[in-house]
């Protein structure tokens, strides 16, 4: 093994030990990016690539949230490594949402507002979730029906029906976010709520609410009130 390779391996080991000791949130931005890149590139020095990514995107969160096509424009990042890096967002989302599902019970109205605030407040793009709740008020499972601009064309009521039949929830919620506007329901929100409510009536299942998260708070479309205001 060359001296250069030994130095790289030593740096990776020291970086891992530092992260384990103080946490990822207590190292520098460039160290955090390097640490993530060690999972994308199993060998070699990633410092220069980390600096190029930081120069272009400004932060680790912006790097991971970037489209893989944007990432692949950075020298040293090919299409395969760009896709791997972009996929870290899915890992982080899964981890955070799993903890969130365990944290809250929907037994109380306040918990509902807090749950959806944490789930959707910091999303940079539109999403639409369907959430199955068990008889104890705990989230049983949820599915992202739409990821991107919400429209009637990309909303499939048959997918909602399949979800209900597969998981047999005690209660159902829909949740949507308005990343760049207030929580006032759009015509599309109203139509999706109407279609889903009619389906749930046919299946004898309570659709508790269609929750909208905007910059002004968490809004209940079913009850025409704010769960909370930020």
Protein backbone atom coordinates (compact mmCIF):
# COMPACT_ATOMS: atom_id res chain seq x y z
CA UNK A 1 0.00 0.00 0.00
CA UNK A 2 1.36 3.40 -0.97
CA UNK A 3 1.93 6.19 1.55
CA UNK A 4 -0.84 8.20 -0.13
CA UNK A 5 -3.36 5.39 0.31
CA UNK A 6 -2.31 4.95 3.95
CA UNK A 7 -2.89 8.66 4.56
CA UNK A 8 -6.39 8.48 3.02
CA UNK A 9 -7.30 5.41 5.06
CA UNK A 10 -5.97 7.07 8.21
CA UNK A 11 -8.05 10.19 7.52
CA UNK A 12 -11.20 8.11 7.03
CA UNK A 13 -10.60 6.26 10.29
CA UNK A 14 -10.02 9.49 12.21
CA UNK A 15 -13.13 11.04 10.65
CA UNK A 16 -15.25 8.03 11.65
CA UNK A 17 -13.94 8.13 15.21
CA UNK A 18 -14.63 11.86 15.43
CA UNK A 19 -18.21 11.46 14.21
CA UNK A 20 -18.81 8.59 16.64
CA UNK A 21 -17.40 10.67 19.49
CA UNK A 22 -19.10 14.05 18.95
CA UNK A 23 -21.87 13.39 16.42
CA UNK A 24 -22.34 14.58 12.86
CA UNK A 25 -23.87 17.86 14.02
CA UNK A 26 -20.69 18.81 15.92
CA UNK A 27 -18.19 18.54 13.09
CA UNK A 28 -17.58 21.11 10.38
CA UNK A 29 -19.76 21.22 7.28
CA UNK A 30 -16.91 19.95 5.10
CA UNK A 31 -16.21 17.07 7.51
CA UNK A 32 -19.87 16.09 7.47
CA UNK A 33 -19.89 16.05 3.67
CA UNK A 34 -16.66 14.03 3.59
CA UNK A 35 -18.16 11.54 6.04
CA UNK A 36 -21.21 10.98 3.83
CA UNK A 37 -19.00 10.68 0.75
CA UNK A 38 -17.03 7.82 2.34
CA UNK A 39 -20.17 5.71 1.89
CA UNK A 40 -20.38 6.69 -1.78
CA UNK A 41 -16.69 6.23 -2.54
CA UNK A 42 -15.25 3.28 -0.59
CA UNK A 43 -11.65 4.27 -1.37
CA UNK A 44 -9.64 7.38 -2.10
CA UNK A 45 -9.55 10.99 -0.99
CA UNK A 46 -12.99 12.69 -1.09
CA UNK A 47 -11.91 16.06 0.28
CA UNK A 48 -11.72 17.84 -3.08
CA UNK A 49 -15.10 16.46 -4.16
CA UNK A 50 -16.57 17.57 -0.83
CA UNK A 51 -15.31 21.12 -1.41
CA UNK A 52 -16.71 21.19 -4.96
CA UNK A 53 -20.11 20.05 -3.71
CA UNK A 54 -20.11 22.59 -0.90
CA UNK A 55 -19.10 25.40 -3.28
CA UNK A 56 -21.98 24.54 -5.64
CA UNK A 57 -24.79 23.70 -3.19
CA UNK A 58 -23.83 25.51 0.02
CA UNK A 59 -24.65 22.86 2.64
CA UNK A 60 -24.92 19.12 3.23
CA UNK A 61 -28.73 19.27 3.33
CA UNK A 62 -28.82 21.09 -0.02
CA UNK A 63 -26.46 18.51 -1.51
CA UNK A 64 -28.60 15.59 -0.43
CA UNK A 65 -31.81 17.32 -1.52
CA UNK A 66 -30.38 18.13 -4.96
CA UNK A 67 -31.53 16.22 -8.02
CA UNK A 68 -29.03 13.56 -9.04
CA UNK A 69 -28.71 15.19 -12.46
CA UNK A 70 -27.52 18.39 -10.76
CA UNK A 71 -25.12 16.40 -8.58
CA UNK A 72 -23.62 14.65 -11.60
CA UNK A 73 -22.49 18.00 -13.04
CA UNK A 74 -19.89 18.27 -10.24
CA UNK A 75 -16.45 17.03 -11.30
CA UNK A 76 -15.73 13.66 -9.71
CA UNK A 77 -19.43 12.76 -9.30
CA UNK A 78 -20.65 10.30 -11.93
CA UNK A 79 -24.27 9.28 -12.52
CA UNK A 80 -24.07 6.22 -10.25
CA UNK A 81 -22.47 8.10 -7.34
CA UNK A 82 -24.92 11.00 -7.84
CA UNK A 83 -27.86 8.61 -7.50
CA UNK A 84 -26.35 7.04 -4.37
CA UNK A 85 -25.80 10.46 -2.81
CA UNK A 86 -29.33 11.61 -3.66
CA UNK A 87 -30.73 8.39 -2.12
CA UNK A 88 -29.38 9.42 1.30
CA UNK A 89 -32.42 11.71 1.51
CA UNK A 90 -34.68 8.66 1.49
CA UNK A 91 -32.71 7.09 4.36
CA UNK A 92 -32.92 10.26 6.45
CA UNK A 93 -36.64 10.69 5.68
CA UNK A 94 -37.39 7.08 6.62
CA UNK A 95 -35.50 7.36 9.90
CA UNK A 96 -37.09 10.69 10.89
CA UNK A 97 -40.60 9.59 9.95
CA UNK A 98 -40.28 6.29 11.81
CA UNK A 99 -39.31 8.16 14.98
CA UNK A 100 -42.18 10.59 14.40
CA UNK A 101 -44.73 7.79 14.06
CA UNK A 102 -43.62 6.34 17.38
CA UNK A 103 -43.67 9.71 19.14
CA UNK A 104 -47.27 10.82 18.67
CA UNK A 105 -50.72 9.45 19.37
CA UNK A 106 -53.71 10.94 17.54
CA UNK A 107 -55.83 10.63 20.66
CA UNK A 108 -55.61 14.41 21.18
CA UNK A 109 -56.21 17.17 18.68
CA UNK A 110 -52.98 18.94 19.64
CA UNK A 111 -50.93 15.84 18.88
CA UNK A 112 -52.41 15.72 15.38
CA UNK A 113 -51.30 19.25 14.64
CA UNK A 114 -47.82 18.65 16.07
CA UNK A 115 -47.40 15.45 14.08
CA UNK A 116 -48.25 17.01 10.73
CA UNK A 117 -46.19 20.12 11.49
CA UNK A 118 -43.09 17.96 12.05
CA UNK A 119 -43.86 15.76 9.05
CA UNK A 120 -44.39 18.50 6.49
CA UNK A 121 -43.23 21.93 7.65
CA UNK A 122 -39.71 21.75 6.20
CA UNK A 123 -40.50 19.97 2.94
CA UNK A 124 -39.20 21.98 0.00
CA UNK A 125 -41.53 20.32 -2.53
CA UNK A 126 -45.19 19.31 -2.46
CA UNK A 127 -46.19 15.90 -1.14
CA UNK A 128 -49.49 14.20 -0.43
CA UNK A 129 -49.62 11.49 2.24
CA UNK A 130 -52.29 8.99 3.14
CA UNK A 131 -52.01 7.90 6.78
CA UNK A 132 -53.60 4.80 8.30
CA UNK A 133 -54.28 5.06 12.05
CA UNK A 134 -55.01 2.10 14.33
CA UNK A 135 -57.78 1.99 16.99
CA UNK A 136 -55.33 3.26 19.65
CA UNK A 137 -54.64 6.41 17.62
CA UNK A 138 -51.16 5.37 16.50
CA UNK A 139 -49.89 5.67 12.96
CA UNK A 140 -50.10 2.19 11.46
CA UNK A 141 -48.58 2.98 8.09
CA UNK A 142 -48.43 5.84 5.64
CA UNK A 143 -47.88 6.17 1.91
CA UNK A 144 -46.69 9.10 -0.17
CA UNK A 145 -49.33 9.29 -2.91
CA UNK A 146 -47.82 12.29 -4.70
CA UNK A 147 -44.29 13.68 -4.66
CA UNK A 148 -44.14 16.92 -6.63
CA UNK A 149 -46.75 19.41 -7.76
CA UNK A 150 -50.18 18.15 -6.77
CA UNK A 151 -52.78 17.87 -9.52
CA UNK A 152 -55.87 15.81 -10.24
CA UNK A 153 -53.89 14.02 -12.97
CA UNK A 154 -51.31 12.62 -10.57
CA UNK A 155 -53.83 11.76 -7.84
CA UNK A 156 -55.11 8.20 -8.26
CA UNK A 157 -58.18 7.35 -6.17
CA UNK A 158 -57.67 3.67 -6.99
CA UNK A 159 -54.37 3.81 -5.11
CA UNK A 160 -56.27 5.10 -2.07
CA UNK A 161 -58.75 2.22 -2.33
CA UNK A 162 -55.93 -0.33 -2.59
CA UNK A 163 -54.23 1.20 0.45
CA UNK A 164 -57.43 0.95 2.49
CA UNK A 165 -58.11 -2.64 1.48
CA UNK A 166 -54.52 -3.70 2.16
CA UNK A 167 -54.06 -2.13 5.60
CA UNK A 168 -57.63 -1.89 6.94
CA UNK A 169 -57.11 1.21 9.10
CA UNK A 170 -59.46 2.26 11.87
CA UNK A 171 -59.14 5.90 10.75
CA UNK A 172 -57.69 7.68 7.76
CA UNK A 173 -55.99 11.02 7.21
CA UNK A 174 -54.78 12.83 4.11
CA UNK A 175 -51.99 15.38 4.53
CA UNK A 176 -50.61 17.88 2.03
CA UNK A 177 -48.21 20.81 2.21
CA UNK A 178 -48.02 24.21 0.56
CA UNK A 179 -44.26 24.93 0.73
CA UNK A 180 -44.46 28.46 -0.68
CA UNK A 181 -47.91 29.64 0.41
CA UNK A 182 -50.42 29.62 3.24
CA UNK A 183 -52.58 26.66 4.20
CA UNK A 184 -55.74 27.87 2.45
CA UNK A 185 -57.12 24.87 0.51
CA UNK A 186 -56.92 25.06 -3.27
CA UNK A 187 -59.59 23.82 -5.65
CA UNK A 188 -57.45 20.69 -6.11
CA UNK A 189 -57.32 20.11 -2.34
CA UNK A 190 -61.09 20.43 -2.12
CA UNK A 191 -61.69 18.01 -4.99
CA UNK A 192 -59.29 15.39 -3.65
CA UNK A 193 -60.89 15.65 -0.22
CA UNK A 194 -64.36 15.27 -1.78
CA UNK A 195 -63.40 12.20 -3.83
CA UNK A 196 -61.64 10.50 -0.92
CA UNK A 197 -64.45 11.23 1.52
CA UNK A 198 -67.01 9.69 -0.85
CA UNK A 199 -64.82 6.60 -1.25
CA UNK A 200 -64.46 6.28 2.53
CA UNK A 201 -68.21 6.60 3.01
CA UNK A 202 -68.73 3.74 0.55
CA UNK A 203 -66.19 1.64 2.48
CA UNK A 204 -67.60 2.64 5.89
CA UNK A 205 -64.27 4.10 6.97
CA UNK A 206 -63.85 7.42 8.80
CA UNK A 207 -61.78 9.94 6.84
CA UNK A 208 -60.93 12.08 9.87
CA UNK A 209 -59.31 14.97 8.08
CA UNK A 210 -57.42 16.43 5.15
CA UNK A 211 -54.61 18.41 6.82
CA UNK A 212 -52.78 21.18 5.02
CA UNK A 213 -49.47 22.60 6.24
CA UNK A 214 -48.53 26.08 5.03
CA UNK A 215 -46.28 28.84 6.27
CA UNK A 216 -49.12 30.15 8.48
CA UNK A 217 -49.88 26.92 10.33
CA UNK A 218 -51.56 23.52 10.23
CA UNK A 219 -55.09 23.67 8.87
CA UNK A 220 -57.97 21.20 9.17
CA UNK A 221 -59.96 21.14 5.95
CA UNK A 222 -62.62 18.88 7.47
CA UNK A 223 -63.30 21.20 10.41
CA UNK A 224 -62.23 24.58 9.02
CA UNK A 225 -59.85 25.40 11.87
CA UNK A 226 -56.15 25.69 12.63
CA UNK A 227 -54.58 22.92 14.65
CA UNK A 228 -51.80 25.36 15.42
CA UNK A 229 -50.06 28.44 14.07
CA UNK A 230 -46.30 28.63 13.79
